[in-house]
Protein backbone atom coordinates (compact mmCIF):
# COMPACT_ATOMS: atom_id res chain seq x y z
CA MET A 1 -10.97 -1.51 -14.15
CA LYS A 2 -10.23 -3.46 -11.01
CA ARG A 3 -9.90 -1.50 -7.78
CA ILE A 4 -6.40 -2.29 -6.49
CA PHE A 5 -5.44 -1.45 -2.93
CA ILE A 6 -1.77 -0.46 -2.84
CA CYS A 7 0.09 -1.40 0.32
CA SER A 8 3.63 -0.23 1.10
CA PRO A 9 5.56 1.20 4.07
CA PHE A 10 4.86 4.77 5.11
CA ARG A 11 6.01 5.58 8.64
CA SER A 12 9.63 6.44 9.21
CA CYS A 13 11.58 8.44 11.77
CA ASP A 14 14.11 9.27 9.05
CA GLU A 15 12.84 12.11 6.80
CA SER A 16 14.90 10.98 3.78
CA LYS A 17 13.47 7.47 4.05
CA HIS A 18 9.96 8.94 4.29
CA HIS A 19 10.46 10.57 0.87
CA LEU A 20 11.61 7.23 -0.54
CA PHE A 21 8.47 5.57 0.87
CA LEU A 22 6.22 8.18 -0.76
CA ALA A 23 7.97 7.82 -4.13
CA TYR A 24 7.71 4.02 -3.86
CA ALA A 25 3.95 4.17 -3.18
CA LYS A 26 3.49 6.46 -6.19
CA GLU A 27 5.49 4.08 -8.40
CA LEU A 28 3.35 1.14 -7.25
CA CYS A 29 0.21 3.12 -8.08
CA GLN A 30 1.61 3.96 -11.52
CA PHE A 31 2.38 0.26 -12.09
CA ALA A 32 -1.22 -0.71 -11.27
CA PHE A 33 -2.60 2.12 -13.39
CA ASN A 34 -0.42 1.07 -16.34
CA GLN A 35 -1.91 -2.42 -15.99
CA GLY A 36 -5.34 -0.88 -16.60
CA HIS A 37 -6.51 -0.76 -12.98
CA ALA A 38 -7.70 1.89 -10.54
CA PRO A 39 -5.15 2.00 -7.69
CA PHE A 40 -5.79 3.40 -4.24
CA ALA A 41 -3.01 4.03 -1.70
CA PRO A 42 -4.53 5.32 1.53
CA HIS A 43 -1.11 6.35 2.83
CA LEU A 44 -0.88 8.87 -0.01
CA LEU A 45 -4.24 10.39 0.92
CA TYR A 46 -5.03 10.20 4.64
CA PRO A 47 -1.81 11.81 5.96
CA GLN A 48 -2.82 14.90 3.99
CA PHE A 49 -5.43 15.62 6.67
CA LEU A 50 -4.70 13.17 9.51
CA ASP A 51 -1.68 13.25 11.83
CA ASP A 52 0.00 9.85 11.57
CA SER A 53 1.92 10.52 14.79
CA ASN A 54 -1.34 10.92 16.72
CA PRO A 55 -2.43 7.39 17.81
CA ILE A 56 -6.14 8.24 17.61
CA GLU A 57 -5.90 9.73 14.13
CA ARG A 58 -3.64 6.88 12.96
CA SER A 59 -6.21 4.36 14.21
CA GLN A 60 -9.01 6.24 12.46
CA GLY A 61 -6.97 6.34 9.25
CA MET A 62 -6.28 2.62 9.42
CA ARG A 63 -9.97 1.93 10.02
CA ALA A 64 -10.88 4.08 7.00
CA ALA A 65 -8.25 2.28 4.90
CA LEU A 66 -9.60 -1.16 5.85
CA THR A 67 -13.12 0.02 5.05
CA PHE A 68 -12.00 1.09 1.59
CA LEU A 69 -10.02 -2.15 1.19
CA SER A 70 -13.32 -4.02 1.54
CA THR A 71 -14.43 -2.46 -1.77
CA CYS A 72 -11.30 -3.55 -3.68
CA GLN A 73 -10.82 -6.64 -5.83
CA GLU A 74 -7.13 -7.14 -4.96
CA LEU A 75 -4.36 -5.93 -2.66
CA TRP A 76 -0.90 -5.43 -4.13
CA TYR A 77 1.98 -4.87 -1.74
CA GLY A 78 5.49 -3.67 -2.37
CA SER A 79 8.08 -5.47 -0.26
CA GLY A 80 11.13 -3.49 -1.39
CA PHE A 81 11.44 -1.71 1.97
CA GLY A 82 10.12 -4.54 4.12
CA ILE A 83 6.66 -5.11 5.54
CA SER A 84 5.49 -2.69 8.22
CA GLU A 85 3.01 -3.42 11.02
CA GLY A 86 0.34 -1.44 9.16
CA MET A 87 0.97 -3.47 6.00
CA LYS A 88 0.68 -6.71 7.97
CA GLN A 89 -2.73 -5.60 9.24
CA GLU A 90 -3.92 -4.69 5.71
CA ILE A 91 -2.61 -7.93 4.18
CA LYS A 92 -4.20 -10.01 6.94
CA HIS A 93 -7.54 -8.24 6.44
CA ALA A 94 -7.40 -8.81 2.68
CA ARG A 95 -6.52 -12.51 2.95
CA TYR A 96 -8.54 -13.62 5.95
CA GLY A 97 -11.07 -10.87 6.60
CA ILE A 98 -12.48 -10.38 3.10
CA GLY A 99 -10.76 -13.12 1.08
CA ILE A 100 -9.41 -11.13 -1.86
CA PRO A 101 -6.22 -11.94 -3.78
CA VAL A 102 -2.99 -10.55 -2.35
CA ARG A 103 -0.08 -10.08 -4.75
CA GLU A 104 3.50 -9.15 -3.96
CA VAL A 105 5.16 -6.67 -6.32
CA ILE A 106 8.95 -6.68 -6.61
CA ARG A 107 11.56 -5.03 -8.79
CA GLU A 108 12.95 -7.26 -11.49
CA ALA A 109 16.70 -7.74 -11.23
CA GLY A 110 18.50 -5.93 -14.01
CA SER A 111 15.63 -3.88 -15.44
CA GLY A 112 14.37 -2.37 -12.20
CA GLN A 113 10.81 -2.74 -13.52
CA PHE A 114 8.02 -3.96 -11.26
CA ILE A 115 6.85 -7.54 -11.65
CA PHE A 116 4.76 -9.88 -9.53
CA ALA A 117 6.61 -12.28 -7.26
CA GLU A 118 5.86 -15.91 -7.99
């Protein structure tokens, strides 16, 4: 199994949008898992014990995420809700910091299933 780092938006001032972001991250993880990989989405784990609204804890969480990213074979990002500043940092680190493949995941028109963007 490849270790796949899942990257998608998390922060939102709108509580209803926050729930959409969490569901989206879970769906991306399920997509990677169904492909036979071991997904990891730090934004599903770290906010369980870190306060994302606290700048120090957010910075520590991002540092921990980038450390874990360095152990992954690929980064997959979902662009369905745009690309956040945190995502940009993770994508940049994957591409230029550690040189692993970065793949965009989108929903296929009509079926709504996830596919890779070309």
